[in-house]
């Protein structure tokens, strides 16, 4: 499914969290952090998002983190989630 045309979703690509405050500022104004990558262990982005009060929306649920602090997407259906 192509998610690029959803009006309430920005796909920013890689953001270097050490280069500037842009990642922290982004999390500070966001409600939900969507994690689409299939495998990454427990991503630092999950922890950063939670520290800024963002819910997690992810297709994977490492150590139950996504379901505890947000929602685990079923069948890659992010729109329904």
PDB file of N, CA and C in Angstrom:
ATOM      1  N   UNK A   1       0.837  -1.178   0.000  1.00  0.00           N
ATOM      2  CA  UNK A   1       0.000   0.000   0.000  1.00  0.00           C
ATOM      3  C   UNK A   1       0.887   1.248   0.000  1.00  0.00           C
ATOM      4  N   UNK A   2       0.482   2.266  -0.710  1.00  0.00           N
ATOM      5  CA  UNK A   2       1.221   3.522  -0.795  1.00  0.00           C
ATOM      6  C   UNK A   2       0.629   4.526   0.189  1.00  0.00           C
ATOM      7  N   UNK A   3       1.431   4.945   1.148  1.00  0.00           N
ATOM      8  CA  UNK A   3       0.956   5.847   2.208  1.00  0.00           C
ATOM      9  C   UNK A   3       1.337   7.303   1.960  1.00  0.00           C
ATOM     10  N   UNK A   4       2.081   7.580   0.894  1.00  0.00           N
ATOM     11  CA  UNK A   4       2.603   8.927   0.663  1.00  0.00           C
ATOM     12  C   UNK A   4       1.525   9.986   0.484  1.00  0.00           C
ATOM     13  N   UNK A   5       0.352   9.621   0.048  1.00  0.00           N
ATOM     14  CA  UNK A   5      -0.688  10.614  -0.233  1.00  0.00           C
ATOM     15  C   UNK A   5      -1.663  10.834   0.917  1.00  0.00           C
ATOM     16  N   UNK A   6      -1.392  10.256   2.068  1.00  0.00           N
ATOM     17  CA  UNK A   6      -2.267  10.494   3.214  1.00  0.00           C
ATOM     18  C   UNK A   6      -2.070  11.921   3.714  1.00  0.00           C
ATOM     19  N   UNK A   7      -3.148  12.661   3.931  1.00  0.00           N
ATOM     20  CA  UNK A   7      -3.026  14.071   4.287  1.00  0.00           C
ATOM     21  C   UNK A   7      -2.432  14.325   5.673  1.00  0.00           C
ATOM     22  N   UNK A   8      -2.504  13.345   6.565  1.00  0.00           N
ATOM     23  CA  UNK A   8      -2.016  13.550   7.926  1.00  0.00           C
ATOM     24  C   UNK A   8      -0.728  12.795   8.216  1.00  0.00           C
ATOM     25  N   UNK A   9       0.049  12.487   7.162  1.00  0.00           N
ATOM     26  CA  UNK A   9       1.285  11.739   7.330  1.00  0.00           C
ATOM     27  C   UNK A   9       2.413  12.415   6.573  1.00  0.00           C
ATOM     28  N   UNK A  10       3.509  12.696   7.277  1.00  0.00           N
ATOM     29  CA  UNK A  10       4.715  13.227   6.647  1.00  0.00           C
ATOM     30  C   UNK A  10       5.753  12.120   6.620  1.00  0.00           C
ATOM     31  N   UNK A  11       6.351  11.878   5.473  1.00  0.00           N
ATOM     32  CA  UNK A  11       7.406  10.876   5.364  1.00  0.00           C
ATOM     33  C   UNK A  11       8.724  11.630   5.191  1.00  0.00           C
ATOM     34  N   UNK A  12       9.466  11.758   6.278  1.00  0.00           N
ATOM     35  CA  UNK A  12      10.638  12.628   6.308  1.00  0.00           C
ATOM     36  C   UNK A  12      11.940  11.931   5.959  1.00  0.00           C
ATOM     37  N   UNK A  13      11.972  10.617   5.997  1.00  0.00           N
ATOM     38  CA  UNK A  13      13.226   9.927   5.744  1.00  0.00           C
ATOM     39  C   UNK A  13      14.142   9.997   6.963  1.00  0.00           C
ATOM     40  N   UNK A  14      15.433   9.809   6.739  1.00  0.00           N
ATOM     41  CA  UNK A  14      16.399   9.796   7.834  1.00  0.00           C
ATOM     42  C   UNK A  14      16.601  11.188   8.418  1.00  0.00           C
ATOM     43  N   UNK A  15      16.587  11.272   9.736  1.00  0.00           N
ATOM     44  CA  UNK A  15      16.895  12.513  10.442  1.00  0.00           C
ATOM     45  C   UNK A  15      18.022  12.208  11.415  1.00  0.00           C
ATOM     46  N   UNK A  16      19.128  12.896  11.289  1.00  0.00           N
ATOM     47  CA  UNK A  16      20.273  12.691  12.177  1.00  0.00           C
ATOM     48  C   UNK A  16      19.980  13.341  13.519  1.00  0.00           C
ATOM     49  N   UNK A  17      19.740  12.525  14.522  1.00  0.00           N
ATOM     50  CA  UNK A  17      19.364  13.038  15.835  1.00  0.00           C
ATOM     51  C   UNK A  17      20.498  13.778  16.543  1.00  0.00           C
ATOM     52  N   UNK A  18      21.719  13.614  16.053  1.00  0.00           N
ATOM     53  CA  UNK A  18      22.866  14.259  16.697  1.00  0.00           C
ATOM     54  C   UNK A  18      23.297  15.538  16.000  1.00  0.00           C
ATOM     55  N   UNK A  19      22.802  15.792  14.799  1.00  0.00           N
ATOM     56  CA  UNK A  19      23.236  16.949  14.024  1.00  0.00           C
ATOM     57  C   UNK A  19      22.551  18.240  14.456  1.00  0.00           C
ATOM     58  N   UNK A  20      21.321  18.141  14.921  1.00  0.00           N
ATOM     59  CA  UNK A  20      20.572  19.342  15.303  1.00  0.00           C
ATOM     60  C   UNK A  20      19.414  18.932  16.204  1.00  0.00           C
ATOM     61  N   UNK A  21      18.652  19.898  16.621  1.00  0.00           N
ATOM     62  CA  UNK A  21      17.500  19.653  17.494  1.00  0.00           C
ATOM     63  C   UNK A  21      16.236  19.322  16.696  1.00  0.00           C
ATOM     64  N   UNK A  22      16.349  19.126  15.386  1.00  0.00           N
ATOM     65  CA  UNK A  22      15.166  18.938  14.549  1.00  0.00           C
ATOM     66  C   UNK A  22      14.361  17.700  14.936  1.00  0.00           C
ATOM     67  N   UNK A  23      14.999  16.601  15.324  1.00  0.00           N
ATOM     68  CA  UNK A  23      14.263  15.404  15.715  1.00  0.00           C
ATOM     69  C   UNK A  23      13.481  15.652  17.001  1.00  0.00           C
ATOM     70  N   UNK A  24      14.112  16.267  17.974  1.00  0.00           N
ATOM     71  CA  UNK A  24      13.430  16.579  19.231  1.00  0.00           C
ATOM     72  C   UNK A  24      12.260  17.529  19.000  1.00  0.00           C
ATOM     73  N   UNK A  25      12.454  18.523  18.149  1.00  0.00           N
ATOM     74  CA  UNK A  25      11.375  19.462  17.835  1.00  0.00           C
ATOM     75  C   UNK A  25      10.233  18.762  17.112  1.00  0.00           C
ATOM     76  N   UNK A  26      10.554  17.846  16.227  1.00  0.00           N
ATOM     77  CA  UNK A  26       9.539  17.089  15.500  1.00  0.00           C
ATOM     78  C   UNK A  26       8.704  16.249  16.462  1.00  0.00           C
ATOM     79  N   UNK A  27       9.368  15.502  17.349  1.00  0.00           N
ATOM     80  CA  UNK A  27       8.638  14.709  18.333  1.00  0.00           C
ATOM     81  C   UNK A  27       7.815  15.597  19.263  1.00  0.00           C
ATOM     82  N   UNK A  28       8.329  16.766  19.578  1.00  0.00           N
ATOM     83  CA  UNK A  28       7.630  17.685  20.479  1.00  0.00           C
ATOM     84  C   UNK A  28       6.304  18.175  19.930  1.00  0.00           C
ATOM     85  N   UNK A  29       6.130  18.200  18.624  1.00  0.00           N
ATOM     86  CA  UNK A  29       4.866  18.668  18.043  1.00  0.00           C
ATOM     87  C   UNK A  29       4.031  17.533  17.433  1.00  0.00           C
ATOM     88  N   UNK A  30       4.485  16.282  17.612  1.00  0.00           N
ATOM     89  CA  UNK A  30       3.797  15.131  17.027  1.00  0.00           C
ATOM     90  C   UNK A  30       2.954  14.399  18.060  1.00  0.00           C
ATOM     91  N   UNK A  31       1.922  13.745  17.578  1.00  0.00           N
ATOM     92  CA  UNK A  31       1.061  12.924  18.443  1.00  0.00           C
ATOM     93  C   UNK A  31       1.413  11.450  18.351  1.00  0.00           C
ATOM     94  N   UNK A  32       1.783  11.032  17.146  1.00  0.00           N
ATOM     95  CA  UNK A  32       2.044   9.613  16.903  1.00  0.00           C
ATOM     96  C   UNK A  32       3.322   9.472  16.084  1.00  0.00           C
ATOM     97  N   UNK A  33       4.126   8.470  16.439  1.00  0.00           N
ATOM     98  CA  UNK A  33       5.308   8.138  15.669  1.00  0.00           C
ATOM     99  C   UNK A  33       5.014   6.829  14.950  1.00  0.00           C
ATOM    100  N   UNK A  34       5.043   6.833  13.630  1.00  0.00           N
ATOM    101  CA  UNK A  34       4.758   5.655  12.826  1.00  0.00           C
ATOM    102  C   UNK A  34       6.083   4.998  12.454  1.00  0.00           C
ATOM    103  N   UNK A  35       6.232   3.747  12.800  1.00  0.00           N
ATOM    104  CA  UNK A  35       7.466   3.005  12.493  1.00  0.00           C
ATOM    105  C   UNK A  35       7.141   1.928  11.484  1.00  0.00           C
ATOM    106  N   UNK A  36       7.670   2.067  10.291  1.00  0.00           N
ATOM    107  CA  UNK A  36       7.341   1.145   9.215  1.00  0.00           C
ATOM    108  C   UNK A  36       8.390   0.074   8.973  1.00  0.00           C
ATOM    109  N   UNK A  37       9.581   0.285   9.442  1.00  0.00           N
ATOM    110  CA  UNK A  37      10.686  -0.640   9.173  1.00  0.00           C
ATOM    111  C   UNK A  37      10.414  -1.995   9.832  1.00  0.00           C
ATOM    112  N   UNK A  38      10.682  -3.057   9.103  1.00  0.00           N
ATOM    113  CA  UNK A  38      10.327  -4.399   9.567  1.00  0.00           C
ATOM    114  C   UNK A  38      11.169  -4.872  10.753  1.00  0.00           C
ATOM    115  N   UNK A  39      12.456  -4.655  10.732  1.00  0.00           N
ATOM    116  CA  UNK A  39      13.300  -5.156  11.823  1.00  0.00           C
ATOM    117  C   UNK A  39      14.366  -4.139  12.188  1.00  0.00           C
ATOM    118  N   UNK A  40      14.465  -3.881  13.468  1.00  0.00           N
ATOM    119  CA  UNK A  40      15.481  -2.955  13.949  1.00  0.00           C
ATOM    120  C   UNK A  40      15.730  -3.167  15.436  1.00  0.00           C
ATOM    121  N   UNK A  41      15.282  -4.288  15.987  1.00  0.00           N
ATOM    122  CA  UNK A  41      15.365  -4.487  17.420  1.00  0.00           C
ATOM    123  C   UNK A  41      14.418  -3.524  18.101  1.00  0.00           C
ATOM    124  N   UNK A  42      14.787  -2.994  19.240  1.00  0.00           N
ATOM    125  CA  UNK A  42      14.009  -1.944  19.895  1.00  0.00           C
ATOM    126  C   UNK A  42      14.597  -0.612  19.444  1.00  0.00           C
ATOM    127  N   UNK A  43      13.960   0.043  18.493  1.00  0.00           N
ATOM    128  CA  UNK A  43      14.535   1.266  17.919  1.00  0.00           C
ATOM    129  C   UNK A  43      14.642   2.403  18.936  1.00  0.00           C
ATOM    130  N   UNK A  44      15.743   3.131  18.861  1.00  0.00           N
ATOM    131  CA  UNK A  44      15.886   4.336  19.680  1.00  0.00           C
ATOM    132  C   UNK A  44      14.747   5.304  19.423  1.00  0.00           C
ATOM    133  N   UNK A  45      14.228   5.312  18.191  1.00  0.00           N
ATOM    134  CA  UNK A  45      13.135   6.223  17.848  1.00  0.00           C
ATOM    135  C   UNK A  45      11.907   5.951  18.702  1.00  0.00           C
ATOM    136  N   UNK A  46      11.642   4.702  19.082  1.00  0.00           N
ATOM    137  CA  UNK A  46      10.523   4.393  19.979  1.00  0.00           C
ATOM    138  C   UNK A  46      10.710   5.105  21.314  1.00  0.00           C
ATOM    139  N   UNK A  47      11.896   4.985  21.861  1.00  0.00           N
ATOM    140  CA  UNK A  47      12.192   5.572  23.173  1.00  0.00           C
ATOM    141  C   UNK A  47      12.139   7.091  23.102  1.00  0.00           C
ATOM    142  N   UNK A  48      12.714   7.663  22.053  1.00  0.00           N
ATOM    143  CA  UNK A  48      12.670   9.117  21.858  1.00  0.00           C
ATOM    144  C   UNK A  48      11.234   9.609  21.727  1.00  0.00           C
ATOM    145  N   UNK A  49      10.426   8.904  20.935  1.00  0.00           N
ATOM    146  CA  UNK A  49       9.031   9.305  20.742  1.00  0.00           C
ATOM    147  C   UNK A  49       8.274   9.273  22.068  1.00  0.00           C
ATOM    148  N   UNK A  50       8.444   8.222  22.831  1.00  0.00           N
ATOM    149  CA  UNK A  50       7.759   8.115  24.124  1.00  0.00           C
ATOM    150  C   UNK A  50       8.202   9.211  25.094  1.00  0.00           C
ATOM    151  N   UNK A  51       9.480   9.538  25.047  1.00  0.00           N
ATOM    152  CA  UNK A  51       9.991  10.600  25.924  1.00  0.00           C
ATOM    153  C   UNK A  51       9.339  11.940  25.621  1.00  0.00           C
ATOM    154  N   UNK A  52       8.844  12.090  24.389  1.00  0.00           N
ATOM    155  CA  UNK A  52       8.172  13.329  23.993  1.00  0.00           C
ATOM    156  C   UNK A  52       6.652  13.201  24.008  1.00  0.00           C
ATOM    157  N   UNK A  53       6.135  12.091  24.555  1.00  0.00           N
ATOM    158  CA  UNK A  53       4.700  11.911  24.679  1.00  0.00           C
ATOM    159  C   UNK A  53       3.997  11.445  23.421  1.00  0.00           C
ATOM    160  N   UNK A  54       4.737  10.901  22.451  1.00  0.00           N
ATOM    161  CA  UNK A  54       4.132  10.395  21.217  1.00  0.00           C
ATOM    162  C   UNK A  54       3.743   8.935  21.391  1.00  0.00           C
ATOM    163  N   UNK A  55       2.585   8.565  20.893  1.00  0.00           N
ATOM    164  CA  UNK A  55       2.194   7.167  20.847  1.00  0.00           C
ATOM    165  C   UNK A  55       2.968   6.476  19.726  1.00  0.00           C
ATOM    166  N   UNK A  56       3.109   5.168  19.830  1.00  0.00           N
ATOM    167  CA  UNK A  56       3.831   4.369  18.845  1.00  0.00           C
ATOM    168  C   UNK A  56       2.820   3.646  17.961  1.00  0.00           C
ATOM    169  N   UNK A  57       3.030   3.688  16.669  1.00  0.00           N
ATOM    170  CA  UNK A  57       2.234   2.937  15.704  1.00  0.00           C
ATOM    171  C   UNK A  57       3.220   2.139  14.865  1.00  0.00           C
ATOM    172  N   UNK A  58       3.237   0.810  15.045  1.00  0.00           N
ATOM    173  CA  UNK A  58       4.279  -0.002  14.423  1.00  0.00           C
ATOM    174  C   UNK A  58       3.748  -1.369  14.020  1.00  0.00           C
ATOM    175  N   UNK A  59       4.296  -1.895  12.921  1.00  0.00           N
ATOM    176  CA  UNK A  59       3.947  -3.242  12.480  1.00  0.00           C
ATOM    177  C   UNK A  59       4.656  -4.306  13.310  1.00  0.00           C
ATOM    178  N   UNK A  60       5.726  -3.934  13.965  1.00  0.00           N
ATOM    179  CA  UNK A  60       6.444  -4.864  14.840  1.00  0.00           C
ATOM    180  C   UNK A  60       6.266  -4.414  16.283  1.00  0.00           C
ATOM    181  N   UNK A  61       6.440  -5.362  17.208  1.00  0.00           N
ATOM    182  CA  UNK A  61       6.180  -5.085  18.617  1.00  0.00           C
ATOM    183  C   UNK A  61       7.296  -5.651  19.490  1.00  0.00           C
ATOM    184  N   UNK A  62       8.524  -5.107  19.340  1.00  0.00           N
ATOM    185  CA  UNK A  62       9.648  -5.660  20.102  1.00  0.00           C
ATOM    186  C   UNK A  62       9.429  -5.529  21.604  1.00  0.00           C
ATOM    187  N   UNK A  63       9.510  -6.649  22.279  1.00  0.00           N
ATOM    188  CA  UNK A  63       9.321  -6.713  23.734  1.00  0.00           C
ATOM    189  C   UNK A  63       7.989  -6.111  24.180  1.00  0.00           C
ATOM    190  N   UNK A  64       6.982  -6.100  23.313  1.00  0.00           N
ATOM    191  CA  UNK A  64       5.676  -5.562  23.651  1.00  0.00           C
ATOM    192  C   UNK A  64       5.636  -4.049  23.750  1.00  0.00           C
ATOM    193  N   UNK A  65       6.683  -3.381  23.268  1.00  0.00           N
ATOM    194  CA  UNK A  65       6.808  -1.918  23.422  1.00  0.00           C
ATOM    195  C   UNK A  65       5.722  -1.162  22.654  1.00  0.00           C
ATOM    196  N   UNK A  66       5.511  -1.536  21.402  1.00  0.00           N
ATOM    197  CA  UNK A  66       4.515  -0.828  20.580  1.00  0.00           C
ATOM    198  C   UNK A  66       3.116  -0.983  21.161  1.00  0.00           C
ATOM    199  N   UNK A  67       2.752  -2.178  21.570  1.00  0.00           N
ATOM    200  CA  UNK A  67       1.405  -2.385  22.111  1.00  0.00           C
ATOM    201  C   UNK A  67       1.238  -1.775  23.497  1.00  0.00           C
ATOM    202  N   UNK A  68       2.321  -1.631  24.237  1.00  0.00           N
ATOM    203  CA  UNK A  68       2.233  -1.015  25.563  1.00  0.00           C
ATOM    204  C   UNK A  68       2.149   0.514  25.472  1.00  0.00           C
ATOM    205  N   UNK A  69       2.834   1.098  24.490  1.00  0.00           N
ATOM    206  CA  UNK A  69       2.888   2.557  24.385  1.00  0.00           C
ATOM    207  C   UNK A  69       2.219   3.079  23.121  1.00  0.00           C
ATOM    208  N   UNK A  70       1.352   2.291  22.548  1.00  0.00           N
ATOM    209  CA  UNK A  70       0.652   2.702  21.332  1.00  0.00           C
ATOM    210  C   UNK A  70      -0.166   1.569  20.780  1.00  0.00           C
ATOM    211  N   UNK A  71       0.117   1.211  19.531  1.00  0.00           N
ATOM    212  CA  UNK A  71      -0.693   0.200  18.849  1.00  0.00           C
ATOM    213  C   UNK A  71       0.170  -0.570  17.858  1.00  0.00           C
ATOM    214  N   UNK A  72       0.009  -1.899  17.856  1.00  0.00           N
ATOM    215  CA  UNK A  72       0.701  -2.713  16.868  1.00  0.00           C
ATOM    216  C   UNK A  72      -0.226  -2.893  15.673  1.00  0.00           C
ATOM    217  N   UNK A  73       0.246  -2.514  14.510  1.00  0.00           N
ATOM    218  CA  UNK A  73      -0.504  -2.606  13.258  1.00  0.00           C
ATOM    219  C   UNK A  73      -0.605  -4.061  12.835  1.00  0.00           C
ATOM    220  N   UNK A  74      -1.790  -4.479  12.416  1.00  0.00           N
ATOM    221  CA  UNK A  74      -2.001  -5.840  11.936  1.00  0.00           C
ATOM    222  C   UNK A  74      -2.019  -5.854  10.415  1.00  0.00           C
ATOM    223  N   UNK A  75      -1.396  -6.838   9.808  1.00  0.00           N
ATOM    224  CA  UNK A  75      -1.420  -7.047   8.356  1.00  0.00           C
ATOM    225  C   UNK A  75      -0.950  -5.831   7.567  1.00  0.00           C
ATOM    226  N   UNK A  76      -0.026  -5.045   8.115  1.00  0.00           N
ATOM    227  CA  UNK A  76       0.517  -3.854   7.457  1.00  0.00           C
ATOM    228  C   UNK A  76      -0.560  -2.836   7.069  1.00  0.00           C
ATOM    229  N   UNK A  77      -1.694  -2.848   7.741  1.00  0.00           N
ATOM    230  CA  UNK A  77      -2.780  -1.932   7.435  1.00  0.00           C
ATOM    231  C   UNK A  77      -2.691  -0.700   8.348  1.00  0.00           C
ATOM    232  N   UNK A  78      -1.766   0.195   8.021  1.00  0.00           N
ATOM    233  CA  UNK A  78      -1.572   1.395   8.831  1.00  0.00           C
ATOM    234  C   UNK A  78      -2.770   2.334   8.747  1.00  0.00           C
ATOM    235  N   UNK A  79      -3.475   2.320   7.638  1.00  0.00           N
ATOM    236  CA  UNK A  79      -4.636   3.195   7.481  1.00  0.00           C
ATOM    237  C   UNK A  79      -5.718   2.823   8.488  1.00  0.00           C
ATOM    238  N   UNK A  80      -5.997   1.533   8.622  1.00  0.00           N
ATOM    239  CA  UNK A  80      -7.020   1.091   9.559  1.00  0.00           C
ATOM    240  C   UNK A  80      -6.587   1.334  11.004  1.00  0.00           C
ATOM    241  N   UNK A  81      -5.288   1.225  11.252  1.00  0.00           N
ATOM    242  CA  UNK A  81      -4.784   1.417  12.606  1.00  0.00           C
ATOM    243  C   UNK A  81      -4.911   2.864  13.024  1.00  0.00           C
TER     244      UNK A  81
END
